[in-house]
N, C-alpha and C. Protein backbone atom coordinates (compact mmCIF):
# COMPACT_ATOMS: atom_id res chain seq x y z
N MET A 1 23.89 -19.60 -10.64
CA MET A 1 23.56 -18.78 -11.79
C MET A 1 23.40 -19.65 -13.02
N SER A 2 22.43 -19.33 -13.82
CA SER A 2 22.25 -20.06 -15.06
C SER A 2 23.12 -19.42 -16.13
N ARG A 3 23.39 -20.19 -17.15
CA ARG A 3 24.26 -19.68 -18.21
C ARG A 3 23.47 -19.55 -19.50
N THR A 4 23.74 -18.48 -20.22
CA THR A 4 23.13 -18.24 -21.51
C THR A 4 24.26 -17.90 -22.48
N ASN A 5 24.36 -18.63 -23.59
CA ASN A 5 25.44 -18.41 -24.57
C ASN A 5 26.81 -18.48 -23.93
N GLY A 6 26.98 -19.32 -22.92
CA GLY A 6 28.28 -19.47 -22.30
C GLY A 6 28.62 -18.38 -21.30
N ARG A 7 27.77 -17.41 -21.15
CA ARG A 7 28.03 -16.33 -20.20
C ARG A 7 27.08 -16.46 -19.01
N PRO A 8 27.57 -16.09 -17.83
CA PRO A 8 26.66 -16.15 -16.67
C PRO A 8 25.60 -15.06 -16.77
N GLU A 9 24.45 -15.36 -16.19
CA GLU A 9 23.36 -14.39 -16.19
C GLU A 9 23.76 -13.20 -15.31
N PRO A 10 23.55 -11.98 -15.78
CA PRO A 10 23.94 -10.83 -14.97
C PRO A 10 23.09 -10.72 -13.71
N GLU A 11 23.68 -10.20 -12.65
CA GLU A 11 22.97 -9.99 -11.40
C GLU A 11 21.98 -8.85 -11.59
N VAL A 12 20.75 -9.09 -11.20
CA VAL A 12 19.71 -8.08 -11.36
C VAL A 12 19.47 -7.42 -10.01
N ILE A 13 19.62 -6.12 -9.96
CA ILE A 13 19.35 -5.36 -8.75
C ILE A 13 18.27 -4.35 -9.08
N VAL A 14 17.21 -4.35 -8.30
CA VAL A 14 16.08 -3.48 -8.56
C VAL A 14 15.97 -2.48 -7.42
N ASN A 15 15.84 -1.21 -7.75
CA ASN A 15 15.63 -0.18 -6.74
C ASN A 15 14.13 0.06 -6.61
N PHE A 16 13.64 -0.02 -5.38
CA PHE A 16 12.22 0.16 -5.13
C PHE A 16 11.96 1.52 -4.50
N ALA A 17 10.71 1.91 -4.46
CA ALA A 17 10.31 3.22 -3.94
C ALA A 17 10.62 3.36 -2.45
N ASP A 18 10.76 2.24 -1.73
CA ASP A 18 11.05 2.34 -0.30
C ASP A 18 12.52 2.68 -0.03
N GLY A 19 13.31 2.84 -1.10
CA GLY A 19 14.69 3.24 -0.95
C GLY A 19 15.68 2.09 -0.87
N TYR A 20 15.19 0.87 -0.88
CA TYR A 20 16.07 -0.29 -0.79
C TYR A 20 16.29 -0.89 -2.18
N ALA A 21 17.42 -1.53 -2.36
CA ALA A 21 17.72 -2.24 -3.60
C ALA A 21 17.78 -3.73 -3.26
N TYR A 22 17.19 -4.54 -4.10
CA TYR A 22 17.12 -5.97 -3.85
C TYR A 22 17.84 -6.74 -4.95
N SER A 23 18.67 -7.67 -4.55
CA SER A 23 19.39 -8.52 -5.47
C SER A 23 18.50 -9.71 -5.83
N LYS A 24 18.36 -9.99 -7.12
CA LYS A 24 17.50 -11.07 -7.57
C LYS A 24 17.93 -12.41 -6.98
N GLY A 25 19.21 -12.67 -6.99
CA GLY A 25 19.71 -13.94 -6.47
C GLY A 25 19.44 -14.11 -4.99
N LYS A 26 19.65 -13.07 -4.22
CA LYS A 26 19.41 -13.15 -2.79
C LYS A 26 17.93 -13.29 -2.47
N MET A 27 17.09 -12.61 -3.24
CA MET A 27 15.64 -12.73 -3.02
C MET A 27 15.18 -14.15 -3.34
N GLU A 28 15.66 -14.72 -4.44
CA GLU A 28 15.27 -16.08 -4.80
C GLU A 28 15.73 -17.07 -3.74
N GLU A 29 16.93 -16.88 -3.21
CA GLU A 29 17.45 -17.77 -2.18
C GLU A 29 16.60 -17.68 -0.91
N ALA A 30 16.16 -16.50 -0.57
CA ALA A 30 15.31 -16.33 0.61
C ALA A 30 14.00 -17.09 0.44
N PHE A 31 13.43 -17.06 -0.75
CA PHE A 31 12.18 -17.78 -0.99
C PHE A 31 12.42 -19.28 -1.01
N ARG A 32 13.54 -19.72 -1.57
CA ARG A 32 13.84 -21.16 -1.60
C ARG A 32 14.12 -21.71 -0.21
N SER A 33 14.69 -20.89 0.67
CA SER A 33 15.04 -21.37 2.00
C SER A 33 13.83 -21.54 2.90
N GLY A 34 12.65 -21.13 2.45
CA GLY A 34 11.45 -21.30 3.24
C GLY A 34 11.17 -20.13 4.17
N LEU A 35 11.85 -19.03 3.94
CA LEU A 35 11.66 -17.86 4.78
C LEU A 35 10.20 -17.43 4.83
N MET A 36 9.54 -17.48 3.69
CA MET A 36 8.16 -17.03 3.63
C MET A 36 7.18 -18.09 4.14
N ASP A 37 7.64 -19.32 4.34
CA ASP A 37 6.77 -20.39 4.82
C ASP A 37 6.66 -20.42 6.34
N ARG A 38 7.57 -19.73 7.01
CA ARG A 38 7.55 -19.71 8.47
C ARG A 38 6.39 -18.86 8.97
N PRO A 39 5.82 -19.23 10.10
CA PRO A 39 4.72 -18.42 10.64
C PRO A 39 5.26 -17.07 11.11
N ALA A 40 4.40 -16.07 11.07
CA ALA A 40 4.78 -14.73 11.49
C ALA A 40 5.05 -14.72 12.99
N VAL A 41 5.99 -13.91 13.39
CA VAL A 41 6.32 -13.79 14.81
C VAL A 41 5.22 -12.96 15.48
N LYS A 42 4.68 -13.49 16.53
CA LYS A 42 3.61 -12.78 17.24
C LYS A 42 4.24 -11.79 18.20
N PRO A 43 3.64 -10.60 18.32
CA PRO A 43 4.19 -9.62 19.27
C PRO A 43 4.01 -10.10 20.70
N ALA A 44 4.84 -9.59 21.57
CA ALA A 44 4.75 -9.96 22.98
C ALA A 44 3.38 -9.53 23.52
N GLU A 45 2.95 -10.23 24.55
CA GLU A 45 1.65 -9.92 25.13
C GLU A 45 1.65 -8.50 25.68
N LYS A 46 0.55 -7.82 25.43
CA LYS A 46 0.39 -6.47 25.96
C LYS A 46 0.14 -6.56 27.46
N LEU A 47 0.71 -5.64 28.19
CA LEU A 47 0.47 -5.61 29.62
C LEU A 47 -0.95 -5.09 29.85
N SER A 48 -1.62 -5.64 30.83
CA SER A 48 -3.03 -5.36 31.02
C SER A 48 -3.30 -3.98 31.62
N HIS A 49 -2.35 -3.45 32.38
CA HIS A 49 -2.63 -2.17 33.01
C HIS A 49 -2.14 -1.02 32.13
N LYS A 50 -2.86 0.08 32.18
CA LYS A 50 -2.52 1.24 31.37
C LYS A 50 -1.84 2.29 32.23
N ALA A 51 -1.02 3.08 31.57
CA ALA A 51 -0.32 4.16 32.27
C ALA A 51 -1.28 5.32 32.48
N LYS A 52 -1.07 6.08 33.55
CA LYS A 52 -1.89 7.25 33.82
C LYS A 52 -1.55 8.35 32.82
N GLN A 53 -2.56 9.04 32.34
CA GLN A 53 -2.36 10.08 31.34
C GLN A 53 -1.47 11.20 31.85
N GLU A 54 -1.65 11.60 33.11
CA GLU A 54 -0.82 12.70 33.63
C GLU A 54 0.65 12.30 33.74
N ASP A 55 0.91 11.01 34.03
CA ASP A 55 2.30 10.54 34.05
C ASP A 55 2.89 10.54 32.65
N VAL A 56 2.10 10.11 31.68
CA VAL A 56 2.55 10.10 30.29
C VAL A 56 2.83 11.52 29.82
N ASP A 57 1.92 12.44 30.14
CA ASP A 57 2.10 13.84 29.75
C ASP A 57 3.37 14.42 30.37
N LEU A 58 3.63 14.11 31.63
CA LEU A 58 4.83 14.60 32.30
C LEU A 58 6.09 14.12 31.58
N LEU A 59 6.14 12.84 31.25
CA LEU A 59 7.31 12.29 30.57
C LEU A 59 7.48 12.89 29.18
N VAL A 60 6.38 13.08 28.47
CA VAL A 60 6.45 13.64 27.13
C VAL A 60 7.02 15.05 27.17
N HIS A 61 6.54 15.86 28.11
CA HIS A 61 6.97 17.25 28.17
C HIS A 61 8.35 17.42 28.79
N GLU A 62 8.67 16.66 29.82
CA GLU A 62 9.93 16.84 30.52
C GLU A 62 11.11 16.12 29.86
N LEU A 63 10.86 14.94 29.31
CA LEU A 63 11.95 14.16 28.73
C LEU A 63 12.02 14.28 27.22
N ASP A 64 11.05 14.95 26.63
CA ASP A 64 11.01 15.15 25.18
C ASP A 64 11.03 13.82 24.43
N VAL A 65 10.12 12.94 24.82
CA VAL A 65 9.95 11.64 24.16
C VAL A 65 8.54 11.58 23.59
N THR A 66 8.29 10.62 22.72
CA THR A 66 6.96 10.46 22.15
C THR A 66 6.04 9.82 23.18
N ARG A 67 4.73 9.91 22.93
CA ARG A 67 3.75 9.33 23.84
C ARG A 67 3.95 7.82 23.96
N SER A 68 4.20 7.17 22.83
CA SER A 68 4.36 5.72 22.87
C SER A 68 5.62 5.32 23.66
N GLN A 69 6.69 6.11 23.53
CA GLN A 69 7.90 5.82 24.30
C GLN A 69 7.64 6.01 25.80
N ALA A 70 6.92 7.07 26.13
CA ALA A 70 6.60 7.33 27.54
C ALA A 70 5.74 6.21 28.12
N GLU A 71 4.73 5.77 27.37
CA GLU A 71 3.87 4.68 27.84
C GLU A 71 4.67 3.40 28.01
N LYS A 72 5.58 3.14 27.08
CA LYS A 72 6.39 1.93 27.17
C LYS A 72 7.29 1.97 28.40
N MET A 73 7.91 3.14 28.65
CA MET A 73 8.78 3.26 29.82
C MET A 73 7.99 3.04 31.11
N LEU A 74 6.79 3.59 31.17
CA LEU A 74 5.96 3.41 32.37
C LEU A 74 5.55 1.95 32.55
N LEU A 75 5.14 1.30 31.47
CA LEU A 75 4.71 -0.09 31.57
C LEU A 75 5.87 -1.00 31.95
N GLU A 76 7.07 -0.71 31.46
CA GLU A 76 8.24 -1.52 31.81
C GLU A 76 8.62 -1.36 33.28
N ASN A 77 8.25 -0.23 33.88
CA ASN A 77 8.59 0.05 35.28
C ASN A 77 7.37 0.03 36.18
N ASP A 78 6.38 -0.75 35.84
CA ASP A 78 5.16 -0.96 36.65
C ASP A 78 4.46 0.35 37.00
N ASN A 79 4.41 1.27 36.05
CA ASN A 79 3.74 2.57 36.21
C ASN A 79 4.30 3.41 37.35
N ASP A 80 5.57 3.17 37.69
CA ASP A 80 6.22 3.94 38.75
C ASP A 80 7.01 5.08 38.11
N ILE A 81 6.46 6.29 38.16
CA ILE A 81 7.08 7.44 37.52
C ILE A 81 8.44 7.76 38.13
N ALA A 82 8.57 7.57 39.43
CA ALA A 82 9.86 7.84 40.09
C ALA A 82 10.94 6.90 39.57
N GLN A 83 10.58 5.65 39.36
CA GLN A 83 11.54 4.67 38.86
C GLN A 83 11.92 5.00 37.41
N VAL A 84 10.95 5.44 36.60
CA VAL A 84 11.23 5.83 35.22
C VAL A 84 12.22 6.98 35.19
N LEU A 85 11.96 8.00 36.01
CA LEU A 85 12.85 9.16 36.04
C LEU A 85 14.24 8.80 36.56
N THR A 86 14.30 7.90 37.53
CA THR A 86 15.60 7.45 38.05
C THR A 86 16.38 6.73 36.97
N GLU A 87 15.71 5.84 36.23
CA GLU A 87 16.37 5.12 35.13
C GLU A 87 16.83 6.08 34.05
N TRP A 88 16.03 7.10 33.77
CA TRP A 88 16.37 8.09 32.73
C TRP A 88 17.64 8.85 33.12
N VAL A 89 17.74 9.22 34.40
CA VAL A 89 18.91 9.97 34.87
C VAL A 89 20.16 9.09 34.83
N LYS A 90 20.02 7.81 35.17
CA LYS A 90 21.16 6.89 35.17
C LYS A 90 21.70 6.66 33.78
N ALA A 91 20.84 6.70 32.74
CA ALA A 91 21.26 6.40 31.38
C ALA A 91 22.09 7.48 30.75
């Protein structure tokens, strides 16, 4: 912290529209540490095969999950709907 008139500079906290509050000191430290200089993390490779629409629809309606969650569950289980349902019951 820098000093002005013998007193430490007050901590500045700003509330943004996204609902988060940011501390000036912590934000400056993040920039000094090179956080913003690092390359962005690339998402994992997309699996090449797509899930069947009727399987996705079944999972959405029966398990009450979103379409993206249903597609992800199918892709993680090699599009095997029986395996997805078995894993769902076990959880």
